[in-house]
Structures are given as C-alpha cells and as structure tokens.
Amino acid sequence: MNSMNPPKILPWVARKAGISDELALKLWRRAVSEAEMLTGQTEGSEYWGLSVERFLCIVEDEVGNLPANTLAPAPQLTWVWRHQTRMSLLSLMAAQNAYRYWQNTWDNLYAQKKAA
C-alpha cells in the first residue's frame, strides 16, 4: 500500500466521527507524514501502526475542536486500536513463551539422553 493511499476504513472513521471524507483524507495525510517523521520509514508494521494511531488521535482532536452547534462527537476510536495492538502483542508473547518452553524441554531431554 502506498502511504498516500488511504486505508479502506477511512470513510467509516469519517462517518463515525461526523467529518467529511475530504477532511478525513487530509488528516490521514497529516498522520502518515508524522509517522514518517517519527519512524524515518515509509513502510513496515511500525510505520503503518503509528500512521493509524496518529490518524485516530488527530480525528479525535479534530472532532473535539468542532463548533458546539455541530453533531455530538463520535465515541473515541483510539482505544480500539490500542486494545487490538495490545491483544496482538499478548498473542505473540504467548507464542514466544510456548516456543521457549518447548525448546528448553527439548534441550533438557536431549542433554539427559546425552549424559546417560
């Protein structure tokens, strides 16, 4: 995916936040610029993760800055992204721990057979 191509979820986020697709696209471009500046990259999981996180934060800030006579602000979205990221990391940590456990068990079993 090219960094200037917005994610397919962008119109959904715009509708939920009560902003136009054009404004959402402008905010997405700002988010990818910030992510590029912070990571020094234009590809990779760290870059894309930060791009989405920055986009959701910027959208929330924008919705909070809308005039009072507009629609009520949409529920915040960044917590969903952060929760999903945490859950993904927990799954990876669990898999890594299971791998280490089995590797240690195998090494100990092999060492016992070799010693016998």
Protein backbone atom coordinates (compact mmCIF):
# COMPACT_ATOMS: atom_id res chain seq x y z
CA MET A 1 0.00 0.00 0.00
CA ASN A 2 1.32 3.40 -0.91
CA SER A 3 1.49 5.76 2.07
CA MET A 4 -0.66 8.30 0.26
CA ASN A 5 -3.38 5.73 -0.43
CA PRO A 6 -5.77 5.96 2.48
CA PRO A 7 -6.88 2.82 4.31
CA LYS A 8 -10.26 1.40 3.33
CA ILE A 9 -11.54 2.15 6.83
CA LEU A 10 -11.11 5.92 6.30
CA PRO A 11 -14.73 6.64 5.13
CA TRP A 12 -16.10 4.61 8.04
CA VAL A 13 -13.99 6.58 10.54
CA ALA A 14 -15.11 9.82 8.88
CA ARG A 15 -18.79 8.88 9.21
CA LYS A 16 -18.37 7.77 12.83
CA ALA A 17 -16.56 11.00 13.69
CA GLY A 18 -19.03 13.17 11.79
CA ILE A 19 -16.44 14.68 9.45
CA SER A 20 -16.25 14.76 5.66
CA ASP A 21 -14.27 12.23 3.67
CA GLU A 22 -12.16 15.11 2.34
CA LEU A 23 -11.22 16.22 5.86
CA ALA A 24 -10.51 12.62 6.84
CA LEU A 25 -8.19 12.26 3.84
CA LYS A 26 -6.40 15.48 4.81
CA LEU A 27 -6.00 14.19 8.37
CA TRP A 28 -4.73 10.82 7.06
CA ARG A 29 -2.04 12.57 5.02
CA ARG A 30 -1.00 14.51 8.11
CA ALA A 31 -0.85 11.28 10.12
CA VAL A 32 1.36 9.47 7.59
CA SER A 33 3.67 12.48 7.44
CA GLU A 34 4.01 12.45 11.21
CA ALA A 35 4.57 8.68 11.25
CA GLU A 36 7.25 9.01 8.59
CA MET A 37 8.95 11.77 10.56
CA LEU A 38 8.85 9.74 13.79
CA THR A 39 9.91 6.38 12.36
CA GLY A 40 12.13 7.53 9.50
CA GLN A 41 10.34 4.94 7.33
CA THR A 42 7.56 4.83 4.76
CA GLU A 43 6.82 1.11 5.05
CA GLY A 44 6.71 -1.58 7.69
CA SER A 45 4.45 -2.52 10.56
CA GLU A 46 5.80 0.14 12.93
CA TYR A 47 5.16 2.86 10.35
CA TRP A 48 1.65 1.65 9.49
CA GLY A 49 0.69 1.10 13.11
CA LEU A 50 1.82 4.57 14.06
CA SER A 51 0.07 6.05 11.00
CA VAL A 52 -3.27 4.58 12.04
CA GLU A 53 -2.79 5.52 15.69
CA ARG A 54 -1.86 9.10 14.78
CA PHE A 55 -4.80 9.31 12.36
CA LEU A 56 -7.29 8.25 15.03
CA CYS A 57 -5.80 10.70 17.55
CA ILE A 58 -5.89 13.54 15.03
CA VAL A 59 -9.52 12.73 14.16
CA GLU A 60 -10.45 12.75 17.84
CA ASP A 61 -8.70 16.10 18.30
CA GLU A 62 -10.49 17.49 15.23
CA VAL A 63 -13.89 16.32 16.45
CA GLY A 64 -13.20 17.92 19.81
CA ASN A 65 -12.43 21.23 18.05
CA LEU A 66 -15.66 21.37 16.05
CA PRO A 67 -18.08 24.20 16.89
CA ALA A 68 -20.65 23.46 19.60
CA ASN A 69 -23.64 23.63 17.22
CA THR A 70 -22.49 20.55 15.27
CA LEU A 71 -23.46 16.97 15.93
CA ALA A 72 -22.34 15.31 19.12
CA PRO A 73 -18.83 13.92 18.82
CA ALA A 74 -18.47 10.30 17.93
CA PRO A 75 -17.14 7.89 20.51
CA GLN A 76 -13.37 7.83 20.72
CA LEU A 77 -11.71 5.30 18.44
CA THR A 78 -8.09 5.16 19.55
CA TRP A 79 -8.82 2.86 22.48
CA VAL A 80 -9.99 0.20 20.00
CA TRP A 81 -6.73 0.46 18.06
CA ARG A 82 -4.62 0.36 21.22
CA HIS A 83 -6.59 -2.58 22.61
CA GLN A 84 -6.21 -4.52 19.35
CA THR A 85 -2.48 -3.80 19.33
CA ARG A 86 -2.11 -4.96 22.96
CA MET A 87 -4.06 -8.14 22.24
CA SER A 88 -1.87 -8.87 19.21
CA LEU A 89 1.26 -8.40 21.28
CA LEU A 90 -0.08 -10.68 24.00
CA SER A 91 -0.70 -13.41 21.44
CA LEU A 92 2.83 -13.05 20.11
CA MET A 93 4.27 -13.12 23.63
CA ALA A 94 2.29 -16.26 24.46
CA ALA A 95 3.52 -17.98 21.31
CA GLN A 96 7.09 -16.94 22.06
CA ASN A 97 6.84 -18.23 25.64
CA ALA A 98 5.39 -21.55 24.44
CA TYR A 99 8.24 -21.87 21.94
CA ARG A 100 10.82 -21.18 24.66
CA TYR A 101 9.19 -23.71 26.99
CA TRP A 102 9.27 -26.46 24.37
CA GLN A 103 12.78 -25.56 23.28
CA ASN A 104 14.03 -25.71 26.89
CA THR A 105 12.21 -29.01 27.47
CA TRP A 106 13.71 -30.47 24.30
CA ASP A 107 17.20 -29.23 25.19
CA ASN A 108 16.93 -30.69 28.72
CA LEU A 109 15.67 -34.02 27.38
CA TYR A 110 18.48 -34.15 24.82
CA ALA A 111 21.07 -33.25 27.48
CA GLN A 112 19.76 -36.05 29.77
CA LYS A 113 19.99 -38.63 26.97
CA LYS A 114 23.48 -37.46 26.09
CA ALA A 115 24.61 -37.67 29.73
CA ALA A 116 23.23 -41.22 30.12
